[in-house]
Amino acid sequence: MGKGDPRREALFEAAEQIKRKAATTKDKGFRVVITGKGGAGKTTLTALLAKLLKREGLNVLAVDEDPQINLPYALGIPPEQEIIPVSRNIDYVEEKTGARPGEAWGVMLTLNPDVSDVVDRFGLRTQDGINLLVMGSVVQAATGCLCPENALLDAIVRYISLREGEVILMDTQAGVEHFGRALAQGFSQAIIITEPSFNALQVALHSAKLAGELEIPHIYLAVNKVRTPQDREKIYRLGGEKLKQFEEIFFLPYDERVLSTEPDVSPLIGTDSPYVKEAARIKEALLQRA
């Protein structure tokens, strides 16, 4: 192909578009909420995606909204290091909301506190440069309660959704409660994780419906622990027409290496793991729709 060749010019323009897209992604960033049934593998996938995106040269903020607090250790923080989530930092909750947890009744509660300092004050940094914020969550029978902890967490999510120049991945608690409190608003993409089982898929389908109601434009289904072609067929059979809620479906193969390296996913990076290869496909989907 010589100079002036239309094919050469088309290839050059395609390369320039990729460069412009990468520059835009690095400048603006994007936000992804990751949810699903407990035990389906949300935290492992969140940590792996964070590391893969960091290797792309992006500024990554991983947010742990799950009360189990597993994401730090999946990202390589030593398991012996104790981590106190922001929602359990009583002094910070009181400083920002004007009310101390457990003593809020009858006092004035600030529902829209300024939490612009939360990442600087409580953020951790992994060895490979990923920023990490452990939010924690309020575990109560009455969801959506008017309490200082929830007011703080809602404010943090609103603040996170406005941060620019970062790829933000939020690992949420199991189930769909966070969607009920509209914590996913402001996120542009959602990955909903399931296993090839009836119960897990029902949670995923419900989550997709709620994510759509929140007008999250890009919703993906990630089927984890897939062992056989029958597992894939089962998802399509059980999901039927409801699978149209998902823009794309990914199948993460069962891989013993994922279990053998836990909690840290770092040893999986750079291996020929089929799980990592499929996670890399999810990463590309996120970048394409950023």
Protein backbone atom coordinates (compact mmCIF):
# COMPACT_ATOMS: atom_id res chain seq x y z
CA MET A 1 0.00 0.00 0.00
CA GLY A 2 1.66 3.22 -1.14
CA LYS A 3 1.11 6.81 -0.15
CA GLY A 4 -2.38 7.95 -1.07
CA ASP A 5 -3.71 4.40 -1.12
CA PRO A 6 -7.32 4.48 0.24
CA ARG A 7 -6.71 1.33 2.32
CA ARG A 8 -3.63 2.87 3.90
CA GLU A 9 -5.52 6.06 4.70
CA ALA A 10 -8.40 4.07 6.19
CA LEU A 11 -6.00 2.15 8.44
CA PHE A 12 -4.31 5.39 9.48
CA GLU A 13 -7.68 6.97 10.35
CA ALA A 14 -8.71 3.88 12.34
CA ALA A 15 -5.47 4.06 14.32
CA GLU A 16 -6.03 7.74 15.02
CA GLN A 17 -9.57 7.03 16.24
CA ILE A 18 -8.21 4.44 18.68
CA LYS A 19 -5.68 6.96 19.97
CA ARG A 20 -8.35 9.63 20.40
CA LYS A 21 -10.61 7.15 22.19
CA ALA A 22 -7.82 6.14 24.56
CA ALA A 23 -7.03 9.79 25.30
CA THR A 24 -10.69 10.53 25.98
CA THR A 25 -10.97 7.54 28.32
CA LYS A 26 -7.90 8.62 30.27
CA ASP A 27 -9.19 12.19 30.55
CA LYS A 28 -12.80 11.49 31.52
CA GLY A 29 -12.82 8.00 32.96
CA PHE A 30 -15.98 5.99 33.49
CA ARG A 31 -17.86 4.26 36.29
CA VAL A 32 -18.89 0.61 36.61
CA VAL A 33 -21.04 -1.03 39.28
CA ILE A 34 -20.54 -4.77 39.81
CA THR A 35 -23.19 -6.84 41.54
CA GLY A 36 -24.76 -10.28 41.77
CA LYS A 37 -25.71 -13.08 44.14
CA GLY A 38 -23.43 -13.68 47.12
CA GLY A 39 -20.60 -16.07 46.28
CA ALA A 40 -20.93 -15.63 42.52
CA GLY A 41 -17.48 -14.07 42.22
CA LYS A 42 -18.02 -10.30 42.20
CA THR A 43 -14.90 -9.42 44.16
CA THR A 44 -12.52 -11.61 42.16
CA LEU A 45 -13.71 -10.14 38.87
CA THR A 46 -13.67 -6.57 40.23
CA ALA A 47 -10.07 -6.94 41.40
CA LEU A 48 -8.94 -8.53 38.16
CA LEU A 49 -10.60 -5.85 36.03
CA ALA A 50 -9.01 -3.15 38.18
CA LYS A 51 -5.57 -4.63 37.55
CA LEU A 52 -6.15 -5.12 33.83
CA LEU A 53 -7.38 -1.54 33.44
CA LYS A 54 -4.42 -0.24 35.45
CA ARG A 55 -2.10 -2.04 33.04
CA GLU A 56 -3.73 0.02 30.27
CA GLY A 57 -2.28 3.11 31.94
CA LEU A 58 -5.60 4.28 33.39
CA ASN A 59 -6.14 5.88 36.78
CA VAL A 60 -8.23 3.29 38.65
CA LEU A 61 -10.28 3.75 41.81
CA ALA A 62 -11.71 0.51 43.24
CA VAL A 63 -14.54 0.99 45.73
CA ASP A 64 -15.60 -1.74 48.15
CA GLU A 65 -19.24 -1.31 49.17
CA ASP A 66 -19.58 -4.89 50.39
CA PRO A 67 -19.74 -5.32 54.20
CA GLN A 68 -17.59 -8.47 53.88
CA ILE A 69 -14.55 -6.30 52.96
CA ASN A 70 -12.80 -8.74 50.61
CA LEU A 71 -11.74 -6.44 47.77
CA PRO A 72 -8.60 -5.05 49.48
CA TYR A 73 -7.18 -8.54 49.90
CA ALA A 74 -8.12 -9.55 46.35
CA LEU A 75 -6.10 -6.53 45.19
CA GLY A 76 -3.04 -7.63 47.15
CA ILE A 77 -3.39 -5.88 50.52
CA PRO A 78 -1.93 -8.32 53.12
CA PRO A 79 -4.73 -10.29 54.84
CA GLU A 80 -3.26 -9.49 58.26
CA GLN A 81 -3.76 -5.75 57.68
CA GLU A 82 -6.92 -4.64 59.48
CA ILE A 83 -9.10 -2.29 57.47
CA ILE A 84 -11.84 -0.17 59.01
CA PRO A 85 -14.42 0.95 56.44
CA VAL A 86 -15.48 4.58 56.27
CA SER A 87 -19.02 3.75 57.43
CA ARG A 88 -17.55 2.47 60.72
CA ASN A 89 -15.34 5.49 61.30
CA ILE A 90 -17.65 7.02 63.89
CA ASP A 91 -15.76 10.30 64.20
CA TYR A 92 -15.86 10.91 60.44
CA VAL A 93 -19.56 10.03 60.25
CA GLU A 94 -20.31 12.55 63.00
CA GLU A 95 -18.00 15.18 61.51
CA LYS A 96 -19.77 15.04 58.16
CA THR A 97 -23.40 14.41 59.11
CA GLY A 98 -23.58 16.14 62.49
CA ALA A 99 -24.87 12.97 64.13
CA ARG A 100 -23.09 10.09 65.82
CA PRO A 101 -24.15 6.58 64.77
CA GLY A 102 -26.66 5.13 67.20
CA GLU A 103 -27.45 8.55 68.63
CA ALA A 104 -29.13 10.19 65.64
CA TRP A 105 -32.74 10.25 66.79
CA GLY A 106 -33.91 13.74 67.67
CA VAL A 107 -30.84 15.52 66.28
CA MET A 108 -30.36 17.51 63.08
CA LEU A 109 -28.87 15.25 60.41
CA THR A 110 -27.03 16.62 57.37
CA LEU A 111 -28.33 14.61 54.42
CA ASN A 112 -25.90 16.02 51.85
CA PRO A 113 -22.52 16.20 53.62
CA ASP A 114 -19.36 17.35 51.88
CA VAL A 115 -17.22 14.22 51.47
CA SER A 116 -14.77 15.53 48.87
CA ASP A 117 -11.89 14.61 51.19
CA VAL A 118 -12.90 10.96 51.67
CA VAL A 119 -10.49 9.41 49.14
CA ASP A 120 -7.55 11.50 50.34
CA ARG A 121 -8.23 10.71 54.00
CA PHE A 122 -9.23 7.07 53.82
CA GLY A 123 -8.07 5.80 50.44
CA LEU A 124 -5.46 3.05 50.25
CA ARG A 125 -3.01 2.44 47.45
CA THR A 126 -2.01 -1.01 46.23
CA GLN A 127 1.50 -1.94 45.14
CA ASP A 128 0.56 -1.58 41.48
CA GLY A 129 -0.89 1.89 41.99
CA ILE A 130 -4.63 1.20 42.21
CA ASN A 131 -6.51 3.54 44.54
CA LEU A 132 -8.87 1.76 46.92
CA LEU A 133 -11.71 3.09 49.05
CA VAL A 134 -13.41 0.76 51.51
CA MET A 135 -16.86 2.23 52.16
CA GLY A 136 -18.52 -0.57 54.03
CA SER A 137 -22.29 -0.75 54.20
CA VAL A 138 -25.14 -0.39 56.65
CA VAL A 139 -26.63 -3.80 57.39
CA GLN A 140 -30.12 -3.31 58.80
CA ALA A 141 -33.51 -4.90 58.37
CA ALA A 142 -35.04 -1.59 57.29
CA THR A 143 -33.16 -0.57 54.15
CA GLY A 144 -32.97 3.06 53.22
CA CYS A 145 -33.04 4.14 56.85
CA LEU A 146 -32.57 7.78 57.77
CA CYS A 147 -29.36 7.27 59.74
CA PRO A 148 -25.94 8.96 59.69
CA GLU A 149 -24.15 5.99 58.13
CA ASN A 150 -26.53 5.80 55.17
CA ALA A 151 -26.47 9.56 54.69
CA LEU A 152 -22.68 9.41 54.54
CA LEU A 153 -22.56 6.44 52.16
CA ASP A 154 -25.10 7.98 49.80
CA ALA A 155 -23.07 11.19 49.76
CA ILE A 156 -19.88 9.27 49.02
CA VAL A 157 -21.46 7.51 46.04
CA ARG A 158 -22.80 10.80 44.69
CA TYR A 159 -19.34 12.31 45.06
CA ILE A 160 -17.68 9.32 43.38
CA SER A 161 -20.08 9.55 40.45
CA LEU A 162 -18.86 13.10 39.78
CA ARG A 163 -15.10 12.42 39.94
CA GLU A 164 -13.36 12.78 36.59
CA GLY A 165 -10.21 11.28 35.16
CA GLU A 166 -10.71 7.90 36.84
CA VAL A 167 -12.00 4.49 35.99
CA ILE A 168 -14.15 3.66 39.01
CA LEU A 169 -15.17 0.08 39.80
CA MET A 170 -17.63 -0.45 42.65
CA ASP A 171 -17.84 -3.92 44.19
CA THR A 172 -21.27 -4.02 45.84
CA GLN A 173 -22.88 -6.15 48.48
CA ALA A 174 -24.77 -9.26 47.45
CA GLY A 175 -28.28 -8.94 46.11
CA VAL A 176 -30.03 -5.81 44.89
CA GLU A 177 -30.44 -3.66 48.03
CA HIS A 178 -28.03 -1.01 46.77
CA PHE A 179 -30.17 -0.60 43.65
CA GLY A 180 -33.18 -0.10 45.93
CA ARG A 181 -31.37 2.84 47.54
CA ALA A 182 -30.38 4.11 44.06
CA LEU A 183 -26.69 3.94 44.92
CA ALA A 184 -25.87 3.01 41.33
CA GLN A 185 -27.10 6.29 39.85
CA GLY A 186 -24.36 8.07 37.95
CA PHE A 187 -22.68 4.83 36.87
CA SER A 188 -22.54 4.29 33.12
CA GLN A 189 -21.96 0.53 33.04
CA ALA A 190 -23.07 -2.43 35.13
CA ILE A 191 -21.63 -5.94 35.27
CA ILE A 192 -24.02 -8.42 36.82
CA ILE A 193 -22.42 -11.70 37.84
CA THR A 194 -24.18 -15.03 38.06
CA GLU A 195 -23.44 -18.71 38.22
CA PRO A 196 -25.12 -21.29 35.98
CA SER A 197 -27.87 -21.90 38.53
CA PHE A 198 -31.53 -20.95 38.66
CA ASN A 199 -31.34 -18.90 41.88
CA ALA A 200 -28.25 -16.94 40.89
CA LEU A 201 -29.69 -16.13 37.47
CA GLN A 202 -32.96 -14.90 38.98
CA VAL A 203 -31.01 -12.41 41.11
CA ALA A 204 -29.07 -11.34 38.02
CA LEU A 205 -32.22 -10.79 35.96
CA HIS A 206 -33.80 -8.76 38.76
CA SER A 207 -30.63 -6.69 39.09
CA ALA A 208 -30.60 -6.03 35.35
CA LYS A 209 -34.19 -4.81 35.50
CA LEU A 210 -33.38 -2.39 38.32
CA ALA A 211 -30.19 -1.23 36.60
CA GLY A 212 -32.26 -0.47 33.51
CA GLU A 213 -34.75 1.50 35.59
CA LEU A 214 -31.82 3.57 36.85
CA GLU A 215 -30.98 4.24 33.19
CA ILE A 216 -27.55 2.65 33.33
CA PRO A 217 -26.91 2.51 29.56
CA HIS A 218 -24.63 -0.54 29.33
CA ILE A 219 -25.50 -3.71 31.25
CA TYR A 220 -23.54 -6.96 30.91
CA LEU A 221 -24.03 -10.46 32.24
CA ALA A 222 -20.94 -12.36 33.40
CA VAL A 223 -21.59 -16.06 33.97
CA ASN A 224 -18.94 -17.40 36.34
CA LYS A 225 -17.68 -20.94 37.06
CA VAL A 226 -18.69 -22.33 33.67
CA ARG A 227 -17.52 -25.94 33.36
CA THR A 228 -19.38 -27.41 30.38
CA PRO A 229 -21.26 -26.39 27.23
CA GLN A 230 -24.39 -27.44 29.10
CA ASP A 231 -23.79 -24.63 31.60
CA ARG A 232 -23.98 -22.10 28.75
CA GLU A 233 -27.09 -23.73 27.32
CA LYS A 234 -28.71 -23.65 30.77
CA ILE A 235 -28.30 -19.86 30.99
CA TYR A 236 -29.96 -19.34 27.61
CA ARG A 237 -32.73 -21.80 28.44
CA LEU A 238 -33.52 -20.33 31.86
CA GLY A 239 -33.03 -16.70 30.84
CA GLY A 240 -34.98 -16.74 27.60
CA GLU A 241 -36.21 -13.36 26.39
CA LYS A 242 -35.10 -11.68 29.61
CA LEU A 243 -31.49 -12.00 28.49
CA LYS A 244 -32.17 -9.20 26.01
CA GLN A 245 -31.68 -6.84 28.96
CA PHE A 246 -27.95 -7.47 28.60
CA GLU A 247 -25.87 -5.76 25.96
CA GLU A 248 -23.38 -8.62 26.02
CA ILE A 249 -22.97 -11.94 27.81
CA PHE A 250 -19.60 -13.29 28.95
CA PHE A 251 -18.79 -16.80 30.16
CA LEU A 252 -15.97 -17.06 32.71
CA PRO A 253 -14.57 -20.62 32.73
CA TYR A 254 -14.01 -22.44 36.00
CA ASP A 255 -10.27 -22.32 36.72
CA GLU A 256 -8.64 -24.00 39.73
CA ARG A 257 -5.92 -21.32 39.68
CA VAL A 258 -8.46 -18.72 40.77
CA LEU A 259 -9.06 -20.72 43.96
CA SER A 260 -5.42 -21.59 44.53
CA THR A 261 -4.26 -17.95 44.45
CA GLU A 262 -7.05 -16.43 46.52
CA PRO A 263 -7.53 -13.97 47.99
CA ASP A 264 -4.96 -12.13 45.82
CA VAL A 265 -5.66 -12.19 42.07
CA SER A 266 -2.21 -10.76 41.23
CA PRO A 267 -0.59 -14.15 40.43
CA LEU A 268 -3.19 -14.68 37.68
CA ILE A 269 -2.04 -11.65 35.70
CA GLY A 270 0.07 -12.61 32.70
CA THR A 271 -0.87 -16.30 32.83
CA ASP A 272 -2.73 -18.32 30.21
CA SER A 273 -5.72 -18.67 32.52
CA PRO A 274 -8.96 -18.96 30.50
CA TYR A 275 -10.66 -16.99 33.27
CA VAL A 276 -8.24 -14.09 32.78
CA LYS A 277 -8.69 -14.23 29.00
CA GLU A 278 -12.45 -13.84 29.32
CA ALA A 279 -12.02 -11.09 31.92
CA ALA A 280 -9.82 -9.30 29.38
CA ARG A 281 -12.74 -9.43 26.93
CA ILE A 282 -14.93 -7.74 29.54
CA LYS A 283 -12.23 -5.10 30.02
CA GLU A 284 -12.27 -4.38 26.28
CA ALA A 285 -16.06 -4.05 26.32
CA LEU A 286 -15.82 -1.50 29.13
CA LEU A 287 -13.21 0.52 27.24
CA GLN A 288 -15.16 0.47 24.00
CA ARG A 289 -18.27 1.88 25.67
CA ALA A 290 -16.49 4.34 27.97
